[in-house]
Amino acid sequence: MNLEQKCLDELGTISRGKSKHRPRNDPSLFDGKYPFIQTADVKNANFYITEYSQTYNEKGLAQSKLWKKGTLCITIAANIADTGILGIDACFPDSIMGFVPYEDKSDVRYVKYCFDILQKQCQQISQGATQDNLSWEKLSTIKFPVPPIDAQKQIADILSAYDDLIENNQKQIKLLEEAAQRLYKEWFVDLRFPGHENTPITDGIPQGWKEGTIQDIVVYHDKKRKPLSGMQRAEMQGKYRYYGAASILDYVNNYLFDGTYLLLGEDGTVITQDGYPILQYVTGKFWANNHAHVLTGKPDYPTEYLYMMFKATKVKDIVTGVAQPKISQARLSNKKTIIPNKEIVRDFCSIVSPMFKQILSLEDQIELSKEARDRLLPKLMSGELEV
């Protein structure tokens, strides 16, 4: 296969996004009908970008630009060289570059896969004294291996089949999570649980339920966390999943988690924009450092119930610190909550536990698809495998 080395501007047009207004977070720019994509949205997207946390109104659009569906977004600040293809028309700021391919010279999917391979190189050349930034001057020095357009499309077709499977599994996960959330809301927020018609309710608390605190239903495993150095993480990376820490053999017996746990942010980014806690439902073997609380439920209050409860509980009132937000164990433990009777919780978990198992199975399929795609990616892009 003929693999010419070309710069990005030989394959299409590229320019930075626009966000002219200052301050950029002026509320008068937002809450309209135009999607506003940010670097985190690009990072969180698997392949196509369709989800976003903010929108511009007409004023916001006037000081920005609406990019067409099919544009490749390339982050040049914060998260360096993350990429995603717009699945919708959207605006984005100047921390993101937009690439539009020349139809006869490049396939946008192929260029995105090039970035997947070259991301580490992009990150290396973007390192600065104060803040990493991938300027056009730096990006223009990178050469891309470019076969003829027909071969690009064939390579992209092969690789995108894996990404399509990943995206479909992610959609199924989202539907299962939404179904579990709706059921939790119906039973424990709207109080339309089985038998509610015949259950007296006093001051918003059904008979048999009680008012308590988080510490009444959770068990903390924070003492088992183990912060590790970057060298230690690199040494054993890939042996076990890790959340801010990796495994090393000397610590396996004392610091390796094995089972089903709920991770809840302790410091850093601890809540969503709406005030709900940052959560991770984890099963299997993993490591954790001291930036997340590691929880399980007490008897009769399984971890699946805890997960759904926290997903529906705002915790902004217990966050301390401005420069470094934090949810301390003490403040979390003392937060008030309504504790249902164990029979209702048992019946709820009998319905949602199979959903969680299906979600975990889909997540395993996603990881296998990613591994297969990533093994194939360099071989196709280098010409080692012919198409």
Protein backbone atom coordinates (compact mmCIF):
# COMPACT_ATOMS: atom_id res chain seq x y z
CA MET A 1 0.00 0.00 0.00
CA ASN A 2 1.26 3.45 -0.90
CA LEU A 3 1.46 5.45 2.37
CA GLU A 4 2.39 9.05 1.71
CA GLN A 5 3.20 11.25 4.70
CA LYS A 6 1.04 14.39 4.68
CA CYS A 7 0.25 17.30 6.99
CA LEU A 8 -3.26 17.87 8.22
CA ASP A 9 -3.86 20.97 6.08
CA GLU A 10 -3.18 18.88 2.95
CA LEU A 11 -6.15 16.68 3.85
CA GLY A 12 -8.77 19.31 4.68
CA THR A 13 -9.45 22.67 6.25
CA ILE A 14 -8.74 23.25 9.92
CA SER A 15 -9.47 26.19 12.23
CA ARG A 16 -10.12 26.90 15.87
CA GLY A 17 -13.53 27.13 17.42
CA LYS A 18 -14.90 30.49 18.48
CA SER A 19 -15.90 31.85 21.86
CA LYS A 20 -15.27 35.60 21.65
CA HIS A 21 -17.34 36.89 24.56
CA ARG A 22 -15.69 37.57 27.92
CA PRO A 23 -16.28 36.25 30.45
CA ARG A 24 -16.83 32.95 28.66
CA ASN A 25 -19.18 31.68 31.35
CA ASP A 26 -21.53 34.66 31.09
CA PRO A 27 -24.99 33.16 31.80
CA SER A 28 -26.56 35.39 29.13
CA LEU A 29 -24.91 33.21 26.43
CA PHE A 30 -26.46 29.91 27.44
CA ASP A 31 -29.65 27.86 27.67
CA GLY A 32 -30.69 28.03 24.02
CA LYS A 33 -31.12 25.50 21.22
CA TYR A 34 -27.54 25.31 19.90
CA PRO A 35 -25.34 22.52 21.34
CA PHE A 36 -22.09 23.83 22.87
CA ILE A 37 -19.36 21.17 22.87
CA GLN A 38 -16.47 21.44 25.34
CA THR A 39 -13.21 19.49 25.74
CA ALA A 40 -14.77 17.13 28.30
CA ASP A 41 -17.56 16.28 25.84
CA VAL A 42 -14.95 15.34 23.23
CA LYS A 43 -13.03 13.22 25.75
CA ASN A 44 -16.16 11.41 26.92
CA ALA A 45 -17.38 10.60 23.41
CA ASN A 46 -16.46 7.18 22.03
CA PHE A 47 -16.46 8.13 18.35
CA TYR A 48 -19.34 10.45 17.46
CA ILE A 49 -20.16 13.42 19.69
CA THR A 50 -23.88 13.62 20.38
CA GLU A 51 -24.05 14.48 24.09
CA TYR A 52 -23.27 17.83 25.69
CA SER A 53 -23.85 19.61 28.98
CA GLN A 54 -24.48 23.18 27.76
CA THR A 55 -26.24 25.01 24.93
CA TYR A 56 -25.87 28.48 23.41
CA ASN A 57 -28.77 30.81 22.77
CA GLU A 58 -28.90 33.33 19.88
CA LYS A 59 -26.48 35.66 21.69
CA GLY A 60 -24.10 32.78 22.29
CA LEU A 61 -24.26 31.71 18.65
CA ALA A 62 -23.58 35.27 17.46
CA GLN A 63 -20.16 35.30 19.15
CA SER A 64 -19.35 31.72 18.15
CA LYS A 65 -19.72 29.51 15.05
CA LEU A 66 -22.01 26.58 14.22
CA TRP A 67 -19.97 23.68 12.87
CA LYS A 68 -21.62 21.09 10.66
CA LYS A 69 -22.24 17.45 11.51
CA GLY A 70 -19.24 15.39 10.38
CA THR A 71 -16.60 17.88 11.59
CA LEU A 72 -13.68 16.29 13.45
CA CYS A 73 -13.14 17.98 16.83
CA ILE A 74 -9.54 18.01 18.15
CA THR A 75 -8.88 19.24 21.68
CA ILE A 76 -5.82 21.50 21.99
CA ALA A 77 -6.01 22.46 25.67
CA ALA A 78 -6.91 20.65 28.92
CA ASN A 79 -7.31 17.19 27.32
CA ILE A 80 -4.71 17.21 24.55
CA ALA A 81 -5.50 15.58 21.18
CA ASP A 82 -8.73 13.88 22.19
CA THR A 83 -10.91 13.60 19.11
CA GLY A 84 -14.51 12.97 18.17
CA ILE A 85 -16.67 13.49 15.10
CA LEU A 86 -19.70 15.73 15.48
CA GLY A 87 -22.87 13.70 15.18
CA ILE A 88 -24.85 16.95 15.31
CA ASP A 89 -24.38 20.57 14.29
CA ALA A 90 -22.70 22.31 17.23
CA CYS A 91 -20.60 25.22 18.51
CA PHE A 92 -17.31 24.80 20.34
CA PRO A 93 -14.70 27.16 21.88
CA ASP A 94 -11.15 27.93 20.77
CA SER A 95 -9.78 25.12 22.97
CA ILE A 96 -11.01 22.82 20.19
CA MET A 97 -10.00 22.74 16.53
CA GLY A 98 -12.41 21.74 13.79
CA PHE A 99 -11.22 19.69 10.80
CA VAL A 100 -13.33 19.34 7.63
CA PRO A 101 -11.87 16.88 5.08
CA TYR A 102 -11.40 17.44 1.36
CA GLU A 103 -13.78 14.84 -0.07
CA ASP A 104 -11.33 13.57 -2.67
CA LYS A 105 -8.33 13.45 -0.32
CA SER A 106 -9.37 12.19 3.10
CA ASP A 107 -12.03 10.32 5.04
CA VAL A 108 -12.79 12.06 8.36
CA ARG A 109 -13.05 8.70 10.15
CA TYR A 110 -9.59 7.71 8.92
CA VAL A 111 -8.10 11.00 10.16
CA LYS A 112 -9.73 10.45 13.55
CA TYR A 113 -8.09 7.00 13.75
CA CYS A 114 -4.75 8.61 12.84
CA PHE A 115 -5.10 10.83 15.89
CA ASP A 116 -5.85 7.80 18.05
CA ILE A 117 -2.41 6.44 17.11
CA LEU A 118 -0.58 9.77 17.20
CA GLN A 119 -2.15 11.17 20.38
CA LYS A 120 0.91 10.50 22.53
CA GLN A 121 3.11 12.33 20.00
CA CYS A 122 0.66 15.25 20.05
CA GLN A 123 0.80 15.35 23.85
CA GLN A 124 4.60 15.35 23.86
CA ILE A 125 4.95 18.31 21.48
CA SER A 126 2.23 20.25 23.34
CA GLN A 127 4.04 20.31 26.69
CA GLY A 128 4.62 23.87 27.90
CA ALA A 129 6.24 25.61 30.84
CA THR A 130 2.95 26.57 32.50
CA GLN A 131 0.12 24.88 30.59
CA ASP A 132 0.05 22.27 27.84
CA ASN A 133 -1.32 23.58 24.57
CA LEU A 134 -1.44 22.09 21.09
CA SER A 135 -1.12 25.10 18.81
CA TRP A 136 -1.57 24.94 15.05
CA GLU A 137 2.16 25.58 14.67
CA LYS A 138 2.86 22.41 16.65
CA LEU A 139 0.09 20.37 15.07
CA SER A 140 1.23 21.28 11.56
CA THR A 141 4.55 19.50 12.18
CA ILE A 142 2.85 16.10 12.50
CA LYS A 143 2.79 13.89 9.42
CA PHE A 144 -0.06 11.45 8.80
CA PRO A 145 0.30 8.16 6.88
CA VAL A 146 -2.16 8.61 4.02
CA PRO A 147 -3.15 5.87 1.55
CA PRO A 148 -5.48 6.57 -1.41
CA ILE A 149 -8.99 7.71 -0.46
CA ASP A 150 -10.58 4.34 -1.31
CA ALA A 151 -8.19 2.54 1.03
CA GLN A 152 -8.88 5.13 3.75
CA LYS A 153 -12.59 4.39 3.50
CA GLN A 154 -12.00 0.62 3.64
CA ILE A 155 -9.81 0.96 6.74
CA ALA A 156 -12.36 3.25 8.38
CA ASP A 157 -15.19 0.83 7.55
CA ILE A 158 -13.34 -2.05 9.25
CA LEU A 159 -12.46 -0.09 12.38
CA SER A 160 -15.77 1.74 12.69
CA ALA A 161 -17.59 -1.60 12.87
CA TYR A 162 -16.03 -2.00 16.32
CA ASP A 163 -16.96 1.54 17.31
CA ASP A 164 -20.54 0.99 16.12
CA LEU A 165 -20.74 -2.08 18.37
CA ILE A 166 -19.29 -0.09 21.29
CA GLU A 167 -21.80 2.71 20.72
CA ASN A 168 -24.75 0.29 20.57
CA ASN A 169 -23.67 -1.33 23.83
CA GLN A 170 -23.31 2.10 25.45
CA LYS A 171 -26.85 2.97 24.36
CA GLN A 172 -28.15 -0.25 25.93
CA ILE A 173 -26.32 0.59 29.17
CA LYS A 174 -27.87 4.04 29.21
CA LEU A 175 -31.37 2.59 28.71
CA LEU A 176 -30.85 0.09 31.55
CA GLU A 177 -29.59 2.82 33.89
CA GLU A 178 -32.53 5.05 33.02
CA ALA A 179 -34.96 2.20 33.71
CA ALA A 180 -33.39 1.59 37.13
CA GLN A 181 -33.50 5.33 37.92
CA ARG A 182 -37.17 5.57 36.96
CA LEU A 183 -38.01 2.65 39.23
CA TYR A 184 -36.06 4.16 42.12
CA LYS A 185 -37.85 7.48 41.69
CA GLU A 186 -41.25 5.79 41.54
CA TRP A 187 -40.68 3.73 44.69
CA PHE A 188 -38.49 5.90 46.91
CA VAL A 189 -39.11 9.49 45.79
CA ASP A 190 -42.74 9.46 44.63
CA LEU A 191 -43.47 6.74 47.26
CA ARG A 192 -45.45 4.60 44.82
CA PHE A 193 -43.85 1.37 46.01
CA PRO A 194 -45.75 -1.96 46.06
CA GLY A 195 -48.42 -1.75 48.73
CA HIS A 196 -48.24 2.03 49.08
CA GLU A 197 -52.04 2.26 48.82
CA ASN A 198 -52.39 0.59 52.22
CA THR A 199 -49.35 2.11 53.94
CA PRO A 200 -49.91 5.12 56.23
CA ILE A 201 -47.52 8.03 55.61
CA THR A 202 -46.68 10.50 58.37
CA ASP A 203 -44.63 13.64 57.65
CA GLY A 204 -43.53 12.13 54.34
CA ILE A 205 -42.27 8.89 55.91
CA PRO A 206 -44.17 5.64 55.21
CA GLN A 207 -44.94 3.35 58.11
CA GLY A 208 -42.02 0.97 58.67
CA TRP A 209 -39.51 3.42 57.18
CA LYS A 210 -37.41 5.81 59.28
CA GLU A 211 -35.37 8.96 59.12
CA GLY A 212 -31.65 8.36 59.56
CA THR A 213 -28.23 9.23 58.16
CA ILE A 214 -25.95 7.78 55.50
CA GLN A 215 -23.80 6.08 58.14
CA ASP A 216 -26.81 3.91 59.08
CA ILE A 217 -26.64 2.06 55.75
CA VAL A 218 -23.03 2.24 54.49
CA VAL A 219 -19.71 0.61 55.33
CA TYR A 220 -16.50 2.54 54.55
CA HIS A 221 -13.41 0.80 53.20
CA ASP A 222 -11.29 3.95 52.95
CA LYS A 223 -8.50 2.55 55.18
CA LYS A 224 -7.73 0.01 52.47
CA ARG A 225 -6.93 2.67 49.85
CA LYS A 226 -3.31 2.97 48.72
CA PRO A 227 -1.91 6.02 46.90
CA LEU A 228 0.93 4.92 44.59
CA SER A 229 3.62 6.80 42.72
CA GLY A 230 3.58 7.26 38.97
CA MET A 231 6.44 4.78 38.68
CA GLN A 232 4.54 2.16 40.66
CA ARG A 233 1.43 2.68 38.53
CA ALA A 234 3.44 2.30 35.33
CA GLU A 235 5.16 -0.82 36.64
CA MET A 236 1.99 -2.85 37.01
CA GLN A 237 -0.44 -1.00 34.72
CA GLY A 238 -2.80 -3.40 33.02
CA LYS A 239 -2.75 -6.11 35.69
CA TYR A 240 -5.80 -4.70 37.44
CA ARG A 241 -8.13 -1.78 36.85
CA TYR A 242 -7.25 1.20 39.00
CA TYR A 243 -8.86 4.41 40.09
CA GLY A 244 -6.03 6.82 40.76
CA ALA A 245 -3.73 3.96 41.71
CA ALA A 246 -2.35 0.80 40.13
CA SER A 247 -1.37 -2.53 41.64
CA ILE A 248 2.10 -3.69 42.60
CA LEU A 249 2.82 -7.17 43.86
CA ASP A 250 4.06 -6.14 47.33
CA TYR A 251 0.66 -4.65 48.15
CA VAL A 252 -1.74 -7.21 46.70
CA ASN A 253 -2.83 -8.81 49.96
CA ASN A 254 -3.46 -5.58 51.84
CA TYR A 255 -4.66 -3.12 49.23
CA LEU A 256 -6.35 -4.98 46.39
CA PHE A 257 -10.13 -4.67 46.35
CA ASP A 258 -12.08 -7.66 45.06
CA GLY A 259 -15.88 -7.57 44.93
CA THR A 260 -18.64 -5.05 44.35
CA TYR A 261 -18.09 -1.53 45.65
CA LEU A 262 -19.34 2.00 45.16
CA LEU A 263 -16.73 4.73 44.62
CA LEU A 264 -17.81 8.26 45.52
CA GLY A 265 -15.54 11.28 44.92
CA GLU A 266 -13.82 12.59 48.04
CA ASP A 267 -11.90 15.56 46.64
CA GLY A 268 -11.36 17.27 43.30
CA THR A 269 -14.39 16.99 41.02
CA VAL A 270 -16.85 15.53 43.50
CA ILE A 271 -20.27 16.63 42.17
CA THR A 272 -22.01 17.14 38.86
CA GLN A 273 -23.23 20.55 37.71
CA ASP A 274 -26.62 19.67 39.21
CA GLY A 275 -25.11 18.87 42.62
CA TYR A 276 -25.22 15.06 42.51
CA PRO A 277 -22.16 13.03 43.62
CA ILE A 278 -19.63 11.65 41.14
CA LEU A 279 -20.09 7.87 41.37
CA GLN A 280 -18.57 4.68 40.01
CA TYR A 281 -20.10 1.22 40.45
CA VAL A 282 -17.16 -1.20 40.39
CA THR A 283 -16.96 -4.97 40.49
CA GLY A 284 -14.00 -7.34 40.31
CA LYS A 285 -10.40 -6.57 41.25
CA PHE A 286 -9.20 -2.97 41.38
CA TRP A 287 -7.12 -0.43 43.25
CA ALA A 288 -8.16 2.95 44.63
CA ASN A 289 -6.30 5.92 46.06
CA ASN A 290 -7.47 8.48 48.59
CA HIS A 291 -9.41 10.66 46.14
CA ALA A 292 -12.56 8.51 46.35
CA HIS A 293 -14.55 6.97 49.19
CA VAL A 294 -14.93 3.21 48.79
CA LEU A 295 -18.31 2.03 50.08
CA THR A 296 -20.53 -1.01 50.37
CA GLY A 297 -23.97 -1.30 51.89
CA LYS A 298 -24.71 -2.70 55.30
CA PRO A 299 -26.75 -5.93 55.47
CA ASP A 300 -30.15 -5.54 53.78
CA TYR A 301 -28.97 -2.44 51.86
CA PRO A 302 -27.00 -3.76 48.86
CA THR A 303 -24.54 -1.66 46.90
CA GLU A 304 -26.98 -1.49 43.96
CA TYR A 305 -29.46 0.30 46.23
CA LEU A 306 -26.75 2.67 47.46
CA TYR A 307 -25.81 3.52 43.88
CA MET A 308 -29.38 4.39 42.93
CA MET A 309 -29.91 6.30 46.18
CA PHE A 310 -26.82 8.49 45.64
CA LYS A 311 -27.76 9.03 41.98
CA ALA A 312 -30.94 10.67 43.28
CA THR A 313 -29.38 12.55 46.22
CA LYS A 314 -27.94 16.06 45.92
CA VAL A 315 -24.87 16.52 48.11
CA LYS A 316 -23.81 20.08 47.31
CA ASP A 317 -24.67 21.07 50.89
CA ILE A 318 -21.93 18.84 52.34
CA VAL A 319 -19.14 19.90 49.96
CA THR A 320 -16.42 22.02 51.56
CA GLY A 321 -13.58 24.01 49.97
CA VAL A 322 -13.57 26.23 46.90
CA ALA A 323 -10.16 25.72 45.30
CA GLN A 324 -10.26 22.02 46.22
CA PRO A 325 -13.84 20.77 46.76
CA LYS A 326 -14.08 17.92 49.24
CA ILE A 327 -16.68 15.56 50.68
CA SER A 328 -15.34 14.36 54.01
CA GLN A 329 -16.34 11.02 55.48
CA ALA A 330 -17.80 12.79 58.51
CA ARG A 331 -20.04 15.12 56.50
CA LEU A 332 -21.15 12.31 54.21
CA SER A 333 -21.92 10.03 57.16
CA ASN A 334 -24.06 12.67 58.87
CA LYS A 335 -26.14 13.57 55.83
CA LYS A 336 -29.79 12.81 56.51
CA THR A 337 -31.72 10.29 54.42
CA ILE A 338 -34.95 8.31 54.58
CA ILE A 339 -34.27 4.61 55.18
CA PRO A 340 -36.88 2.26 53.67
CA ASN A 341 -37.73 -1.02 55.33
CA LYS A 342 -35.54 -3.90 54.23
CA GLU A 343 -38.37 -5.78 52.50
CA ILE A 344 -38.97 -2.92 50.04
CA VAL A 345 -35.23 -2.63 49.38
CA ARG A 346 -35.01 -6.40 48.83
CA ASP A 347 -37.86 -6.32 46.30
CA PHE A 348 -36.30 -3.33 44.52
CA CYS A 349 -32.90 -5.03 44.24
CA SER A 350 -34.49 -8.23 42.93
CA ILE A 351 -35.58 -6.16 39.92
CA VAL A 352 -32.51 -3.94 39.38
CA SER A 353 -29.76 -6.47 40.18
CA PRO A 354 -30.25 -8.30 36.85
CA MET A 355 -30.03 -4.90 35.14
CA PHE A 356 -26.67 -4.27 36.83
CA LYS A 357 -25.42 -7.71 35.74
CA GLN A 358 -26.44 -6.96 32.17
CA ILE A 359 -24.69 -3.58 32.34
CA LEU A 360 -21.48 -5.23 33.57
CA SER A 361 -21.71 -7.79 30.76
CA LEU A 362 -22.12 -5.02 28.20
CA GLU A 363 -19.16 -3.15 29.70
CA ASP A 364 -17.05 -6.29 29.33
CA GLN A 365 -18.11 -6.53 25.68
CA ILE A 366 -17.14 -2.88 25.19
CA GLU A 367 -13.65 -3.51 26.60
CA LEU A 368 -13.18 -6.57 24.37
CA SER A 369 -14.27 -4.57 21.32
CA LYS A 370 -11.86 -1.76 22.22
CA GLU A 371 -8.99 -4.21 22.67
CA ALA A 372 -9.70 -5.87 19.32
CA ARG A 373 -9.97 -2.50 17.56
CA ASP A 374 -6.80 -1.17 19.16
CA ARG A 375 -4.82 -4.28 18.16
CA LEU A 376 -6.02 -3.95 14.59
CA LEU A 377 -5.62 -0.17 14.35
CA PRO A 378 -1.81 0.14 14.02
CA LYS A 379 -1.59 -2.82 11.66
CA LEU A 380 -4.10 -1.31 9.26
CA MET A 381 -2.71 2.20 9.52
CA SER A 382 0.88 1.07 8.89
CA GLY A 383 -0.03 -1.08 5.90
CA GLU A 384 1.01 -4.27 7.71
CA LEU A 385 -2.47 -5.60 6.94
CA GLU A 386 -3.68 -5.01 3.40
CA VAL A 387 -7.28 -3.96 2.71
